[in-house]
Amino acid sequence: MQLGNFRMRGMLAAASLLLGTCFAVPSVQAIEMSREVGDLYTSVSIYPPSAGSMTICYGFVCRRRHAFDFTPADRAALTKLLAAGKASAAAERAAVQKAVVWWDRRVGPVLGTDKRIANADFRYFDDKHNFDCWDTTRNVTSLLLIIQDWGLLKHHTVGNPRYRGNALVLQTPHNTAVLVDRATGTEWVVDMWTRGYAQLPDVKPADQWVKEN
């Protein structure tokens, strides 16, 4: 009886191993990120970016989504853009601005966001063509994480998103993606929501941005 049980357990273990082999989900290379950055994705139940793909959020607070895979040509284009920023931190921030514009142009015709406007929100009744600031914060952070994972950032790392919105001084709520200068620790916002389609995003010190409206 004991021998029979032993054989049965062995057969079940072998079957389990075979099923696991046949139906295993391919592993995806994870990108390291802070808890605050991770919350951008868990809060809307989407996967964080991997080494070669990201979920694009649009339609306001990620109500519309698109799975985007970077092609070898995409990677080559971004590598060329970021190579121009190796000389200094300022040059790299300028290169990041151009990378965001490249991304905007790349996905705009696919999503319909080539019709998007600056500062879009639900009052414009055109969610299918626009990002709100939550969407741009997630999307730009994802792009920056992928660029960083590819080793294309020399002078900066991806920081935690920044928020503002002081009702006491009538400051409207807003949030944005952030880069951190490796040498100085200064946080720089990369804010594309305040700009229209294919325009350079705002890149400025976070301490300045947080006081604006």
C-alpha atoms as a PDB file:
ATOM      1  CA  MET A   1       0.000   0.000   0.000  1.00  0.00           C
ATOM      2  CA  GLN A   2       2.792   2.400   0.877  1.00  0.00           C
ATOM      3  CA  LEU A   3       4.608   1.486  -2.332  1.00  0.00           C
ATOM      4  CA  GLY A   4       1.460   2.189  -4.327  1.00  0.00           C
ATOM      5  CA  ASN A   5       1.108   5.598  -2.727  1.00  0.00           C
ATOM      6  CA  PHE A   6       4.723   6.380  -3.459  1.00  0.00           C
ATOM      7  CA  ARG A   7       4.304   5.449  -7.118  1.00  0.00           C
ATOM      8  CA  MET A   8       1.129   7.515  -7.366  1.00  0.00           C
ATOM      9  CA  ARG A   9       2.854  10.566  -5.923  1.00  0.00           C
ATOM     10  CA  GLY A  10       5.701  10.120  -8.362  1.00  0.00           C
ATOM     11  CA  MET A  11       3.314   9.922 -11.324  1.00  0.00           C
ATOM     12  CA  LEU A  12       1.485  13.060 -10.175  1.00  0.00           C
ATOM     13  CA  ALA A  13       4.743  14.955  -9.735  1.00  0.00           C
ATOM     14  CA  ALA A  14       5.898  13.941 -13.219  1.00  0.00           C
ATOM     15  CA  ALA A  15       2.571  15.007 -14.730  1.00  0.00           C
ATOM     16  CA  SER A  16       2.742  18.331 -12.923  1.00  0.00           C
ATOM     17  CA  LEU A  17       6.258  18.944 -14.215  1.00  0.00           C
ATOM     18  CA  LEU A  18       5.191  18.104 -17.780  1.00  0.00           C
ATOM     19  CA  LEU A  19       2.210  20.441 -17.633  1.00  0.00           C
ATOM     20  CA  GLY A  20       4.371  23.187 -16.183  1.00  0.00           C
ATOM     21  CA  THR A  21       6.827  22.759 -19.034  1.00  0.00           C
ATOM     22  CA  CYS A  22       4.166  22.726 -21.743  1.00  0.00           C
ATOM     23  CA  PHE A  23       2.135  25.636 -20.457  1.00  0.00           C
ATOM     24  CA  ALA A  24       4.750  27.851 -18.827  1.00  0.00           C
ATOM     25  CA  VAL A  25       4.359  31.564 -19.482  1.00  0.00           C
ATOM     26  CA  PRO A  26       7.484  33.053 -21.064  1.00  0.00           C
ATOM     27  CA  SER A  27       9.371  35.163 -18.549  1.00  0.00           C
ATOM     28  CA  VAL A  28       9.616  38.910 -19.147  1.00  0.00           C
ATOM     29  CA  GLN A  29      12.707  40.805 -18.110  1.00  0.00           C
ATOM     30  CA  ALA A  30      11.663  43.069 -15.260  1.00  0.00           C
ATOM     31  CA  ILE A  31      12.856  46.640 -14.871  1.00  0.00           C
ATOM     32  CA  GLU A  32      13.855  47.743 -11.381  1.00  0.00           C
ATOM     33  CA  MET A  33      11.781  50.595  -9.979  1.00  0.00           C
ATOM     34  CA  SER A  34      10.852  52.182  -6.684  1.00  0.00           C
ATOM     35  CA  ARG A  35       7.607  51.476  -4.880  1.00  0.00           C
ATOM     36  CA  GLU A  36       6.341  54.958  -5.782  1.00  0.00           C
ATOM     37  CA  VAL A  37       6.957  54.345  -9.475  1.00  0.00           C
ATOM     38  CA  GLY A  38       5.478  50.862  -9.228  1.00  0.00           C
ATOM     39  CA  ASP A  39       2.306  52.375  -7.776  1.00  0.00           C
ATOM     40  CA  LEU A  40       1.758  54.176 -11.081  1.00  0.00           C
ATOM     41  CA  TYR A  41       1.030  50.800 -12.652  1.00  0.00           C
ATOM     42  CA  THR A  42      -0.632  48.873  -9.854  1.00  0.00           C
ATOM     43  CA  SER A  43      -3.080  51.721  -9.258  1.00  0.00           C
ATOM     44  CA  VAL A  44      -4.627  51.140 -12.706  1.00  0.00           C
ATOM     45  CA  SER A  45      -3.924  47.386 -12.887  1.00  0.00           C
ATOM     46  CA  ILE A  46      -1.441  47.393 -15.766  1.00  0.00           C
ATOM     47  CA  TYR A  47       1.929  45.708 -16.127  1.00  0.00           C
ATOM     48  CA  PRO A  48       4.990  47.922 -15.625  1.00  0.00           C
ATOM     49  CA  PRO A  49       7.275  48.347 -18.633  1.00  0.00           C
ATOM     50  CA  SER A  50       9.708  45.604 -19.580  1.00  0.00           C
ATOM     51  CA  ALA A  51      12.963  45.905 -21.502  1.00  0.00           C
ATOM     52  CA  GLY A  52      11.189  46.204 -24.836  1.00  0.00           C
ATOM     53  CA  SER A  53       7.527  46.993 -24.271  1.00  0.00           C
ATOM     54  CA  MET A  54       5.141  49.219 -22.364  1.00  0.00           C
ATOM     55  CA  THR A  55       1.432  49.709 -21.862  1.00  0.00           C
ATOM     56  CA  ILE A  56       0.429  53.115 -23.173  1.00  0.00           C
ATOM     57  CA  CYS A  57      -2.273  54.856 -21.168  1.00  0.00           C
ATOM     58  CA  TYR A  58      -4.655  57.325 -22.781  1.00  0.00           C
ATOM     59  CA  GLY A  59      -8.300  58.314 -22.567  1.00  0.00           C
ATOM     60  CA  PHE A  60      -7.822  59.866 -19.098  1.00  0.00           C
ATOM     61  CA  VAL A  61      -6.603  57.870 -16.080  1.00  0.00           C
ATOM     62  CA  CYS A  62      -5.673  54.972 -18.354  1.00  0.00           C
ATOM     63  CA  ARG A  63      -9.247  54.112 -19.349  1.00  0.00           C
ATOM     64  CA  ARG A  64      -7.854  53.273 -22.798  1.00  0.00           C
ATOM     65  CA  ARG A  65      -4.714  51.131 -23.164  1.00  0.00           C
ATOM     66  CA  HIS A  66      -2.416  49.962 -25.904  1.00  0.00           C
ATOM     67  CA  ALA A  67       0.375  47.382 -25.679  1.00  0.00           C
ATOM     68  CA  PHE A  68       3.384  48.836 -27.501  1.00  0.00           C
ATOM     69  CA  ASP A  69       6.464  46.809 -28.442  1.00  0.00           C
ATOM     70  CA  PHE A  70       9.636  48.663 -29.386  1.00  0.00           C
ATOM     71  CA  THR A  71      11.173  47.418 -32.639  1.00  0.00           C
ATOM     72  CA  PRO A  72      14.930  47.255 -33.317  1.00  0.00           C
ATOM     73  CA  ALA A  73      14.462  50.381 -35.447  1.00  0.00           C
ATOM     74  CA  ASP A  74      12.795  52.154 -32.525  1.00  0.00           C
ATOM     75  CA  ARG A  75      15.688  51.266 -30.255  1.00  0.00           C
ATOM     76  CA  ALA A  76      18.195  52.473 -32.836  1.00  0.00           C
ATOM     77  CA  ALA A  77      16.361  55.800 -33.171  1.00  0.00           C
ATOM     78  CA  LEU A  78      16.289  56.369 -29.410  1.00  0.00           C
ATOM     79  CA  THR A  79      19.923  55.333 -29.055  1.00  0.00           C
ATOM     80  CA  LYS A  80      20.908  57.918 -31.654  1.00  0.00           C
ATOM     81  CA  LEU A  81      18.888  60.642 -29.940  1.00  0.00           C
ATOM     82  CA  LEU A  82      20.321  59.942 -26.497  1.00  0.00           C
ATOM     83  CA  ALA A  83      23.878  59.679 -27.834  1.00  0.00           C
ATOM     84  CA  ALA A  84      23.713  63.406 -28.516  1.00  0.00           C
ATOM     85  CA  GLY A  85      23.304  64.027 -24.787  1.00  0.00           C
ATOM     86  CA  LYS A  86      26.402  62.315 -23.445  1.00  0.00           C
ATOM     87  CA  ALA A  87      28.472  65.494 -23.118  1.00  0.00           C
ATOM     88  CA  SER A  88      26.641  66.938 -20.098  1.00  0.00           C
ATOM     89  CA  ALA A  89      23.551  66.680 -17.926  1.00  0.00           C
ATOM     90  CA  ALA A  90      21.984  69.646 -19.714  1.00  0.00           C
ATOM     91  CA  ALA A  91      22.627  68.029 -23.084  1.00  0.00           C
ATOM     92  CA  GLU A  92      21.079  64.793 -21.861  1.00  0.00           C
ATOM     93  CA  ARG A  93      17.938  66.572 -20.708  1.00  0.00           C
ATOM     94  CA  ALA A  94      17.645  68.170 -24.142  1.00  0.00           C
ATOM     95  CA  ALA A  95      18.068  64.727 -25.700  1.00  0.00           C
ATOM     96  CA  VAL A  96      15.335  63.347 -23.441  1.00  0.00           C
ATOM     97  CA  GLN A  97      13.010  66.107 -24.638  1.00  0.00           C
ATOM     98  CA  LYS A  98      13.614  65.001 -28.225  1.00  0.00           C
ATOM     99  CA  ALA A  99      13.100  61.363 -27.249  1.00  0.00           C
ATOM    100  CA  VAL A 100       9.686  62.209 -25.801  1.00  0.00           C
ATOM    101  CA  VAL A 101       8.762  64.033 -29.019  1.00  0.00           C
ATOM    102  CA  TRP A 102       9.955  61.027 -31.030  1.00  0.00           C
ATOM    103  CA  TRP A 103       7.738  58.749 -28.909  1.00  0.00           C
ATOM    104  CA  ASP A 104       4.757  61.113 -29.265  1.00  0.00           C
ATOM    105  CA  ARG A 105       5.129  61.065 -33.060  1.00  0.00           C
ATOM    106  CA  ARG A 106       5.681  57.316 -33.089  1.00  0.00           C
ATOM    107  CA  VAL A 107       2.496  56.389 -31.212  1.00  0.00           C
ATOM    108  CA  GLY A 108       0.265  59.320 -32.201  1.00  0.00           C
ATOM    109  CA  PRO A 109      -0.973  57.917 -35.527  1.00  0.00           C
ATOM    110  CA  VAL A 110      -1.439  54.487 -33.930  1.00  0.00           C
ATOM    111  CA  LEU A 111      -3.595  55.716 -31.048  1.00  0.00           C
ATOM    112  CA  GLY A 112      -5.155  58.786 -32.610  1.00  0.00           C
ATOM    113  CA  THR A 113      -3.337  60.997 -30.109  1.00  0.00           C
ATOM    114  CA  ASP A 114      -1.783  62.934 -32.973  1.00  0.00           C
ATOM    115  CA  LYS A 115      -4.916  65.045 -32.474  1.00  0.00           C
ATOM    116  CA  ARG A 116      -4.200  65.669 -28.810  1.00  0.00           C
ATOM    117  CA  ILE A 117      -4.031  69.116 -27.215  1.00  0.00           C
ATOM    118  CA  ALA A 118      -2.116  70.595 -24.301  1.00  0.00           C
ATOM    119  CA  ASN A 119      -3.660  70.472 -20.816  1.00  0.00           C
ATOM    120  CA  ALA A 120      -6.413  68.084 -21.901  1.00  0.00           C
ATOM    121  CA  ASP A 121      -8.957  66.876 -19.363  1.00  0.00           C
ATOM    122  CA  PHE A 122     -12.502  65.536 -19.268  1.00  0.00           C
ATOM    123  CA  ARG A 123     -13.984  68.987 -19.947  1.00  0.00           C
ATOM    124  CA  TYR A 124     -12.933  68.725 -23.605  1.00  0.00           C
ATOM    125  CA  PHE A 125     -15.063  65.600 -24.185  1.00  0.00           C
ATOM    126  CA  ASP A 126     -12.413  64.050 -26.407  1.00  0.00           C
ATOM    127  CA  ASP A 127     -10.858  61.354 -24.272  1.00  0.00           C
ATOM    128  CA  LYS A 128     -10.119  58.979 -27.152  1.00  0.00           C
ATOM    129  CA  HIS A 129      -7.598  61.400 -28.670  1.00  0.00           C
ATOM    130  CA  ASN A 130      -5.960  62.722 -25.510  1.00  0.00           C
ATOM    131  CA  PHE A 131      -3.827  62.099 -22.460  1.00  0.00           C
ATOM    132  CA  ASP A 132      -4.509  63.575 -19.056  1.00  0.00           C
ATOM    133  CA  CYS A 133      -1.589  64.275 -16.730  1.00  0.00           C
ATOM    134  CA  TRP A 134      -1.919  60.832 -15.125  1.00  0.00           C
ATOM    135  CA  ASP A 135      -1.528  59.237 -18.549  1.00  0.00           C
ATOM    136  CA  THR A 136       1.501  61.337 -19.470  1.00  0.00           C
ATOM    137  CA  THR A 137       3.125  60.694 -16.091  1.00  0.00           C
ATOM    138  CA  ARG A 138       2.818  56.937 -16.585  1.00  0.00           C
ATOM    139  CA  ASN A 139       3.818  56.993 -20.247  1.00  0.00           C
ATOM    140  CA  VAL A 140       6.846  59.243 -19.876  1.00  0.00           C
ATOM    141  CA  THR A 141       8.006  57.372 -16.789  1.00  0.00           C
ATOM    142  CA  SER A 142       7.722  54.102 -18.739  1.00  0.00           C
ATOM    143  CA  LEU A 143       9.704  55.538 -21.641  1.00  0.00           C
ATOM    144  CA  LEU A 144      12.395  56.834 -19.295  1.00  0.00           C
ATOM    145  CA  LEU A 145      12.624  53.509 -17.466  1.00  0.00           C
ATOM    146  CA  ILE A 146      13.148  51.687 -20.763  1.00  0.00           C
ATOM    147  CA  ILE A 147      15.759  54.203 -21.912  1.00  0.00           C
ATOM    148  CA  GLN A 148      17.511  53.788 -18.567  1.00  0.00           C
ATOM    149  CA  ASP A 149      17.316  49.994 -18.791  1.00  0.00           C
ATOM    150  CA  TRP A 150      18.975  50.158 -22.215  1.00  0.00           C
ATOM    151  CA  GLY A 151      21.892  52.050 -20.667  1.00  0.00           C
ATOM    152  CA  LEU A 152      21.193  55.257 -22.571  1.00  0.00           C
ATOM    153  CA  LEU A 153      21.143  57.601 -19.556  1.00  0.00           C
ATOM    154  CA  LYS A 154      24.575  58.714 -18.384  1.00  0.00           C
ATOM    155  CA  HIS A 155      23.826  61.758 -16.239  1.00  0.00           C
ATOM    156  CA  HIS A 156      20.375  60.970 -14.809  1.00  0.00           C
ATOM    157  CA  THR A 157      18.252  58.277 -13.219  1.00  0.00           C
ATOM    158  CA  VAL A 158      14.475  57.957 -13.253  1.00  0.00           C
ATOM    159  CA  GLY A 159      12.966  59.520 -10.143  1.00  0.00           C
ATOM    160  CA  ASN A 160       9.643  59.204  -8.378  1.00  0.00           C
ATOM    161  CA  PRO A 161       6.719  61.133  -9.875  1.00  0.00           C
ATOM    162  CA  ARG A 162       6.026  64.564  -8.409  1.00  0.00           C
ATOM    163  CA  TYR A 163       2.620  66.003  -7.525  1.00  0.00           C
ATOM    164  CA  ARG A 164       1.283  69.459  -6.856  1.00  0.00           C
ATOM    165  CA  GLY A 165      -2.101  70.901  -5.972  1.00  0.00           C
ATOM    166  CA  ASN A 166      -2.531  73.373  -3.116  1.00  0.00           C
ATOM    167  CA  ALA A 167      -6.201  74.313  -2.866  1.00  0.00           C
ATOM    168  CA  LEU A 168      -5.373  77.102  -0.403  1.00  0.00           C
ATOM    169  CA  VAL A 169      -3.686  79.078  -3.187  1.00  0.00           C
ATOM    170  CA  LEU A 170      -6.036  77.799  -5.932  1.00  0.00           C
ATOM    171  CA  GLN A 171      -3.324  75.601  -7.424  1.00  0.00           C
ATOM    172  CA  THR A 172      -4.858  72.895  -9.586  1.00  0.00           C
ATOM    173  CA  PRO A 173      -3.759  69.254  -9.119  1.00  0.00           C
ATOM    174  CA  HIS A 174      -1.095  68.019 -11.503  1.00  0.00           C
ATOM    175  CA  ASN A 175       1.629  65.364 -11.647  1.00  0.00           C
ATOM    176  CA  THR A 176       4.604  64.540 -13.821  1.00  0.00           C
ATOM    177  CA  ALA A 177       7.500  62.211 -14.532  1.00  0.00           C
ATOM    178  CA  VAL A 178      10.918  63.037 -13.042  1.00  0.00           C
ATOM    179  CA  LEU A 179      14.617  62.638 -13.795  1.00  0.00           C
ATOM    180  CA  VAL A 180      17.257  62.954 -11.080  1.00  0.00           C
ATOM    181  CA  ASP A 181      20.689  64.421 -11.835  1.00  0.00           C
ATOM    182  CA  ARG A 182      23.258  61.844 -10.723  1.00  0.00           C
ATOM    183  CA  ALA A 183      25.858  64.453  -9.765  1.00  0.00           C
ATOM    184  CA  THR A 184      23.725  67.005  -7.913  1.00  0.00           C
ATOM    185  CA  GLY A 185      20.620  65.069  -6.892  1.00  0.00           C
ATOM    186  CA  THR A 186      18.444  67.777  -8.449  1.00  0.00           C
ATOM    187  CA  GLU A 187      15.031  66.573  -9.613  1.00  0.00           C
ATOM    188  CA  TRP A 188      13.928  67.656 -13.086  1.00  0.00           C
ATOM    189  CA  VAL A 189      10.361  67.228 -14.257  1.00  0.00           C
ATOM    190  CA  VAL A 190       9.647  65.931 -17.757  1.00  0.00           C
ATOM    191  CA  ASP A 191       6.109  67.174 -18.324  1.00  0.00           C
ATOM    192  CA  MET A 192       4.484  66.601 -21.731  1.00  0.00           C
ATOM    193  CA  TRP A 193       0.880  67.207 -20.611  1.00  0.00           C
ATOM    194  CA  THR A 194       1.315  70.974 -20.778  1.00  0.00           C
ATOM    195  CA  ARG A 195       2.399  70.767 -24.437  1.00  0.00           C
ATOM    196  CA  GLY A 196       0.523  69.802 -27.569  1.00  0.00           C
ATOM    197  CA  TYR A 197       1.255  66.984 -29.979  1.00  0.00           C
ATOM    198  CA  ALA A 198       4.925  66.648 -30.988  1.00  0.00           C
ATOM    199  CA  GLN A 199       5.980  69.699 -28.965  1.00  0.00           C
ATOM    200  CA  LEU A 200       8.968  69.589 -26.633  1.00  0.00           C
ATOM    201  CA  PRO A 201       7.893  68.693 -23.086  1.00  0.00           C
ATOM    202  CA  ASP A 202       8.598  71.047 -20.217  1.00  0.00           C
ATOM    203  CA  VAL A 203      11.875  70.148 -18.521  1.00  0.00           C
ATOM    204  CA  LYS A 204      12.612  72.246 -15.452  1.00  0.00           C
ATOM    205  CA  PRO A 205      13.667  71.880 -11.795  1.00  0.00           C
ATOM    206  CA  ALA A 206      10.947  70.163  -9.781  1.00  0.00           C
ATOM    207  CA  ASP A 207      11.249  72.801  -7.032  1.00  0.00           C
ATOM    208  CA  GLN A 208      10.245  75.423  -9.604  1.00  0.00           C
ATOM    209  CA  TRP A 209       7.518  73.285 -11.196  1.00  0.00           C
ATOM    210  CA  VAL A 210       5.824  72.509  -7.885  1.00  0.00           C
ATOM    211  CA  LYS A 211       5.155  76.248  -7.289  1.00  0.00           C
ATOM    212  CA  GLU A 212       3.545  76.840 -10.668  1.00  0.00           C
ATOM    213  CA  ASN A 213      -0.075  76.422 -11.674  1.00  0.00           C
END
